[in-house]
Amino acid sequence: MLAAQVPAETPSTSPALTVEQTTLVRCSAAFAMIAYGQSNGNGEAQKWPDLGTRGREFFVRSLAQLMDELQLDRTQVEKLMSDAVQRLWDDGEIDAVMPGCLLMLEASGV
């Protein structure tokens, strides 16, 4: 009877990320959001450099790196990205993170 009242432990769906990994996720999410806005003619997105090609490549490489480093499957990576996009949207942080993310993009050589 007592065992039925104790919830079974479930594995965490959000792995612990390093600062670098968190930044990769945040910048990948920001680039995806800006690239989407640019492809739809959103005026706010147009103020940033075109991210259609370079932003997409950064996104792909970053997610592949995270999958390798953290042993994540596609569903887990999609959850990380979805959560990051939602946080950026809810907190209105796109403009705040983009300058640093653009520096990261330049440093990546993409």
N, C-alpha and C. Protein backbone atom coordinates (compact mmCIF):
# COMPACT_ATOMS: atom_id res chain seq x y z
N MET A 1 0.82 -1.18 0.00
CA MET A 1 0.00 0.00 0.00
C MET A 1 0.87 1.25 0.00
N LEU A 2 1.91 1.27 0.84
CA LEU A 2 2.80 2.42 0.90
C LEU A 2 3.53 2.62 -0.42
N ALA A 3 3.92 1.53 -1.06
CA ALA A 3 4.64 1.63 -2.33
C ALA A 3 3.79 2.31 -3.39
N ALA A 4 2.51 2.14 -3.35
CA ALA A 4 1.63 2.76 -4.33
C ALA A 4 1.57 4.27 -4.16
N GLN A 5 1.87 4.76 -2.96
CA GLN A 5 1.81 6.19 -2.71
C GLN A 5 3.11 6.91 -3.07
N VAL A 6 4.20 6.20 -3.21
CA VAL A 6 5.48 6.81 -3.54
C VAL A 6 5.64 6.80 -5.06
N PRO A 7 5.75 7.98 -5.64
CA PRO A 7 5.87 8.01 -7.10
C PRO A 7 7.17 7.36 -7.55
N ALA A 8 7.09 6.66 -8.64
CA ALA A 8 8.29 6.04 -9.20
C ALA A 8 9.20 7.14 -9.73
N GLU A 9 10.51 6.94 -9.57
CA GLU A 9 11.44 7.93 -10.08
C GLU A 9 11.49 7.81 -11.59
N THR A 10 11.48 8.96 -12.22
CA THR A 10 11.60 8.99 -13.67
C THR A 10 12.87 9.72 -14.02
N PRO A 11 13.54 9.30 -15.08
CA PRO A 11 14.77 9.97 -15.46
C PRO A 11 14.48 11.41 -15.88
N SER A 12 15.41 12.28 -15.57
CA SER A 12 15.26 13.69 -15.92
C SER A 12 15.27 13.85 -17.43
N THR A 13 14.35 14.65 -17.93
CA THR A 13 14.32 14.90 -19.37
C THR A 13 15.18 16.09 -19.73
N SER A 14 15.66 16.81 -18.74
CA SER A 14 16.53 17.96 -18.97
C SER A 14 17.89 17.67 -18.38
N PRO A 15 18.86 17.36 -19.23
CA PRO A 15 20.19 17.06 -18.71
C PRO A 15 20.85 18.32 -18.16
N ALA A 16 21.78 18.14 -17.26
CA ALA A 16 22.56 19.27 -16.74
C ALA A 16 23.52 19.72 -17.84
N LEU A 17 23.46 21.00 -18.16
CA LEU A 17 24.29 21.54 -19.23
C LEU A 17 25.38 22.43 -18.66
N THR A 18 26.52 22.44 -19.33
CA THR A 18 27.57 23.39 -18.99
C THR A 18 27.15 24.77 -19.50
N VAL A 19 27.89 25.78 -19.11
CA VAL A 19 27.60 27.13 -19.60
C VAL A 19 27.72 27.17 -21.12
N GLU A 20 28.75 26.53 -21.66
CA GLU A 20 28.93 26.51 -23.11
C GLU A 20 27.75 25.81 -23.81
N GLN A 21 27.32 24.70 -23.27
CA GLN A 21 26.20 23.98 -23.87
C GLN A 21 24.91 24.79 -23.78
N THR A 22 24.69 25.45 -22.66
CA THR A 22 23.51 26.30 -22.50
C THR A 22 23.53 27.43 -23.53
N THR A 23 24.71 27.99 -23.74
CA THR A 23 24.85 29.07 -24.72
C THR A 23 24.60 28.55 -26.14
N LEU A 24 25.09 27.37 -26.45
CA LEU A 24 24.83 26.78 -27.76
C LEU A 24 23.33 26.62 -28.00
N VAL A 25 22.64 26.13 -27.00
CA VAL A 25 21.19 25.94 -27.12
C VAL A 25 20.49 27.28 -27.30
N ARG A 26 20.83 28.24 -26.45
CA ARG A 26 20.18 29.55 -26.50
C ARG A 26 20.44 30.24 -27.84
N CYS A 27 21.68 30.22 -28.30
CA CYS A 27 22.00 30.89 -29.56
C CYS A 27 21.37 30.15 -30.75
N SER A 28 21.37 28.85 -30.71
CA SER A 28 20.72 28.09 -31.79
C SER A 28 19.24 28.42 -31.86
N ALA A 29 18.60 28.52 -30.70
CA ALA A 29 17.18 28.88 -30.65
C ALA A 29 16.97 30.30 -31.17
N ALA A 30 17.82 31.23 -30.76
CA ALA A 30 17.70 32.61 -31.21
C ALA A 30 17.89 32.69 -32.73
N PHE A 31 18.88 32.00 -33.26
CA PHE A 31 19.11 32.02 -34.70
C PHE A 31 17.92 31.44 -35.46
N ALA A 32 17.36 30.36 -34.93
CA ALA A 32 16.19 29.76 -35.59
C ALA A 32 15.01 30.72 -35.59
N MET A 33 14.80 31.41 -34.48
CA MET A 33 13.69 32.35 -34.39
C MET A 33 13.90 33.53 -35.33
N ILE A 34 15.10 34.07 -35.37
CA ILE A 34 15.38 35.20 -36.26
C ILE A 34 15.29 34.77 -37.72
N ALA A 35 15.87 33.63 -38.06
CA ALA A 35 15.82 33.15 -39.45
C ALA A 35 14.37 32.93 -39.89
N TYR A 36 13.56 32.39 -39.00
CA TYR A 36 12.14 32.20 -39.32
C TYR A 36 11.47 33.55 -39.56
N GLY A 37 11.73 34.50 -38.69
CA GLY A 37 11.16 35.83 -38.86
C GLY A 37 11.62 36.49 -40.14
N GLN A 38 12.89 36.33 -40.47
CA GLN A 38 13.42 36.91 -41.71
C GLN A 38 12.77 36.29 -42.93
N SER A 39 12.53 34.99 -42.89
CA SER A 39 11.91 34.32 -44.04
C SER A 39 10.45 34.73 -44.22
N ASN A 40 9.86 35.26 -43.15
CA ASN A 40 8.47 35.71 -43.21
C ASN A 40 8.32 37.22 -43.29
N GLY A 41 9.44 37.93 -43.47
CA GLY A 41 9.40 39.38 -43.62
C GLY A 41 9.15 40.15 -42.34
N ASN A 42 9.40 39.55 -41.20
CA ASN A 42 9.21 40.24 -39.92
C ASN A 42 10.22 41.37 -39.79
N GLY A 43 9.72 42.59 -39.57
CA GLY A 43 10.57 43.77 -39.49
C GLY A 43 11.60 43.70 -38.38
N GLU A 44 11.23 43.18 -37.22
CA GLU A 44 12.17 43.07 -36.11
C GLU A 44 13.31 42.11 -36.45
N ALA A 45 13.01 41.05 -37.15
CA ALA A 45 14.04 40.07 -37.52
C ALA A 45 14.96 40.61 -38.60
N GLN A 46 14.46 41.52 -39.42
CA GLN A 46 15.25 42.06 -40.53
C GLN A 46 16.41 42.92 -40.07
N LYS A 47 16.38 43.40 -38.84
CA LYS A 47 17.45 44.27 -38.36
C LYS A 47 18.75 43.50 -38.08
N TRP A 48 18.66 42.17 -38.05
CA TRP A 48 19.83 41.33 -37.80
C TRP A 48 20.39 40.83 -39.13
N PRO A 49 21.70 40.45 -39.14
CA PRO A 49 22.26 39.88 -40.37
C PRO A 49 21.45 38.64 -40.80
N ASP A 50 21.47 38.37 -42.08
CA ASP A 50 20.76 37.21 -42.61
C ASP A 50 21.30 35.94 -41.96
N LEU A 51 20.40 35.16 -41.37
CA LEU A 51 20.79 33.94 -40.67
C LEU A 51 20.27 32.68 -41.35
N GLY A 52 19.76 32.83 -42.56
CA GLY A 52 19.19 31.68 -43.25
C GLY A 52 20.18 30.54 -43.45
N THR A 53 21.40 30.85 -43.89
CA THR A 53 22.37 29.81 -44.17
C THR A 53 23.32 29.58 -43.00
N ARG A 54 23.99 30.62 -42.55
CA ARG A 54 24.97 30.48 -41.47
C ARG A 54 24.29 30.09 -40.15
N GLY A 55 23.16 30.70 -39.87
CA GLY A 55 22.45 30.37 -38.64
C GLY A 55 21.98 28.92 -38.63
N ARG A 56 21.52 28.46 -39.79
CA ARG A 56 21.07 27.06 -39.90
C ARG A 56 22.25 26.10 -39.69
N GLU A 57 23.40 26.43 -40.28
CA GLU A 57 24.57 25.56 -40.13
C GLU A 57 25.05 25.53 -38.68
N PHE A 58 25.05 26.68 -38.03
CA PHE A 58 25.40 26.75 -36.61
C PHE A 58 24.45 25.89 -35.80
N PHE A 59 23.17 26.00 -36.08
CA PHE A 59 22.13 25.24 -35.41
C PHE A 59 22.40 23.75 -35.54
N VAL A 60 22.63 23.29 -36.75
CA VAL A 60 22.83 21.86 -37.01
C VAL A 60 24.09 21.35 -36.30
N ARG A 61 25.18 22.10 -36.43
CA ARG A 61 26.43 21.67 -35.80
C ARG A 61 26.30 21.66 -34.27
N SER A 62 25.66 22.67 -33.73
CA SER A 62 25.50 22.77 -32.28
C SER A 62 24.68 21.62 -31.74
N LEU A 63 23.58 21.30 -32.41
CA LEU A 63 22.73 20.22 -31.93
C LEU A 63 23.42 18.87 -32.06
N ALA A 64 24.19 18.69 -33.13
CA ALA A 64 24.95 17.45 -33.28
C ALA A 64 25.99 17.33 -32.16
N GLN A 65 26.64 18.44 -31.83
CA GLN A 65 27.61 18.45 -30.73
C GLN A 65 26.95 18.08 -29.41
N LEU A 66 25.78 18.67 -29.15
CA LEU A 66 25.07 18.37 -27.91
C LEU A 66 24.63 16.92 -27.85
N MET A 67 24.17 16.39 -28.97
CA MET A 67 23.76 14.98 -29.00
C MET A 67 24.93 14.08 -28.66
N ASP A 68 26.11 14.40 -29.22
CA ASP A 68 27.30 13.59 -28.95
C ASP A 68 27.77 13.73 -27.51
N GLU A 69 27.89 14.97 -27.04
CA GLU A 69 28.42 15.21 -25.70
C GLU A 69 27.52 14.68 -24.59
N LEU A 70 26.22 14.80 -24.78
CA LEU A 70 25.28 14.45 -23.73
C LEU A 70 24.55 13.13 -23.96
N GLN A 71 24.88 12.47 -25.08
CA GLN A 71 24.23 11.21 -25.43
C GLN A 71 22.71 11.38 -25.46
N LEU A 72 22.26 12.44 -26.17
CA LEU A 72 20.84 12.72 -26.29
C LEU A 72 20.27 12.13 -27.56
N ASP A 73 19.00 11.79 -27.51
CA ASP A 73 18.33 11.37 -28.74
C ASP A 73 17.62 12.59 -29.33
N ARG A 74 17.05 12.40 -30.47
CA ARG A 74 16.41 13.51 -31.19
C ARG A 74 15.28 14.15 -30.37
N THR A 75 14.49 13.34 -29.70
CA THR A 75 13.39 13.87 -28.90
C THR A 75 13.90 14.75 -27.77
N GLN A 76 14.97 14.35 -27.12
CA GLN A 76 15.53 15.15 -26.03
C GLN A 76 16.09 16.47 -26.54
N VAL A 77 16.73 16.45 -27.70
CA VAL A 77 17.26 17.69 -28.28
C VAL A 77 16.12 18.62 -28.69
N GLU A 78 15.07 18.05 -29.26
CA GLU A 78 13.91 18.86 -29.63
C GLU A 78 13.30 19.53 -28.40
N LYS A 79 13.27 18.82 -27.29
CA LYS A 79 12.74 19.37 -26.04
C LYS A 79 13.61 20.52 -25.54
N LEU A 80 14.93 20.32 -25.58
CA LEU A 80 15.85 21.39 -25.18
C LEU A 80 15.61 22.65 -26.02
N MET A 81 15.48 22.46 -27.33
CA MET A 81 15.28 23.60 -28.22
C MET A 81 13.93 24.26 -28.00
N SER A 82 12.92 23.46 -27.87
CA SER A 82 11.58 23.99 -27.64
C SER A 82 11.53 24.82 -26.36
N ASP A 83 12.14 24.30 -25.31
CA ASP A 83 12.19 25.03 -24.04
C ASP A 83 12.96 26.34 -24.18
N ALA A 84 14.08 26.30 -24.91
CA ALA A 84 14.89 27.50 -25.09
C ALA A 84 14.14 28.56 -25.89
N VAL A 85 13.47 28.14 -26.95
CA VAL A 85 12.67 29.08 -27.75
C VAL A 85 11.58 29.71 -26.88
N GLN A 86 10.91 28.89 -26.10
CA GLN A 86 9.83 29.40 -25.27
C GLN A 86 10.34 30.41 -24.25
N ARG A 87 11.50 30.10 -23.63
CA ARG A 87 12.08 31.05 -22.66
C ARG A 87 12.46 32.36 -23.32
N LEU A 88 13.10 32.29 -24.49
CA LEU A 88 13.47 33.51 -25.19
C LEU A 88 12.24 34.34 -25.53
N TRP A 89 11.21 33.67 -25.97
CA TRP A 89 9.96 34.36 -26.33
C TRP A 89 9.29 34.97 -25.10
N ASP A 90 9.12 34.15 -24.07
CA ASP A 90 8.43 34.61 -22.86
C ASP A 90 9.16 35.76 -22.17
N ASP A 91 10.49 35.67 -22.15
CA ASP A 91 11.29 36.68 -21.44
C ASP A 91 11.68 37.86 -22.33
N GLY A 92 11.34 37.80 -23.62
CA GLY A 92 11.67 38.89 -24.53
C GLY A 92 13.17 39.15 -24.61
N GLU A 93 13.95 38.09 -24.64
CA GLU A 93 15.41 38.22 -24.57
C GLU A 93 16.13 38.13 -25.91
N ILE A 94 15.43 38.05 -27.00
CA ILE A 94 16.10 37.89 -28.29
C ILE A 94 17.12 39.00 -28.52
N ASP A 95 16.68 40.25 -28.38
CA ASP A 95 17.59 41.38 -28.62
C ASP A 95 18.77 41.38 -27.65
N ALA A 96 18.56 40.89 -26.46
CA ALA A 96 19.63 40.87 -25.47
C ALA A 96 20.68 39.81 -25.78
N VAL A 97 20.27 38.66 -26.32
CA VAL A 97 21.23 37.58 -26.56
C VAL A 97 21.88 37.63 -27.94
N MET A 98 21.23 38.29 -28.88
CA MET A 98 21.74 38.25 -30.26
C MET A 98 23.16 38.81 -30.43
N PRO A 99 23.54 39.92 -29.82
CA PRO A 99 24.92 40.39 -30.03
C PRO A 99 25.97 39.35 -29.63
N GLY A 100 25.81 38.75 -28.49
CA GLY A 100 26.74 37.71 -28.06
C GLY A 100 26.68 36.48 -28.95
N CYS A 101 25.49 36.13 -29.38
CA CYS A 101 25.34 34.97 -30.26
C CYS A 101 25.99 35.22 -31.62
N LEU A 102 25.88 36.44 -32.11
CA LEU A 102 26.53 36.76 -33.39
C LEU A 102 28.06 36.68 -33.25
N LEU A 103 28.59 37.09 -32.10
CA LEU A 103 30.03 36.92 -31.86
C LEU A 103 30.40 35.44 -31.83
N MET A 104 29.55 34.64 -31.22
CA MET A 104 29.79 33.19 -31.18
C MET A 104 29.74 32.60 -32.58
N LEU A 105 28.83 33.08 -33.39
CA LEU A 105 28.71 32.61 -34.78
C LEU A 105 29.99 32.93 -35.54
N GLU A 106 30.49 34.15 -35.38
CA GLU A 106 31.74 34.55 -36.05
C GLU A 106 32.90 33.67 -35.58
N ALA A 107 32.99 33.45 -34.29
CA ALA A 107 34.09 32.65 -33.73
C ALA A 107 34.01 31.19 -34.17
N SER A 108 32.81 30.73 -34.51
CA SER A 108 32.64 29.32 -34.90
C SER A 108 33.21 29.03 -36.28
N GLY A 109 33.38 30.06 -37.07
CA GLY A 109 33.90 29.86 -38.42
C GLY A 109 32.85 29.39 -39.41
N VAL A 110 31.61 29.35 -39.00
CA VAL A 110 30.53 28.93 -39.90
C VAL A 110 30.25 30.05 -40.87
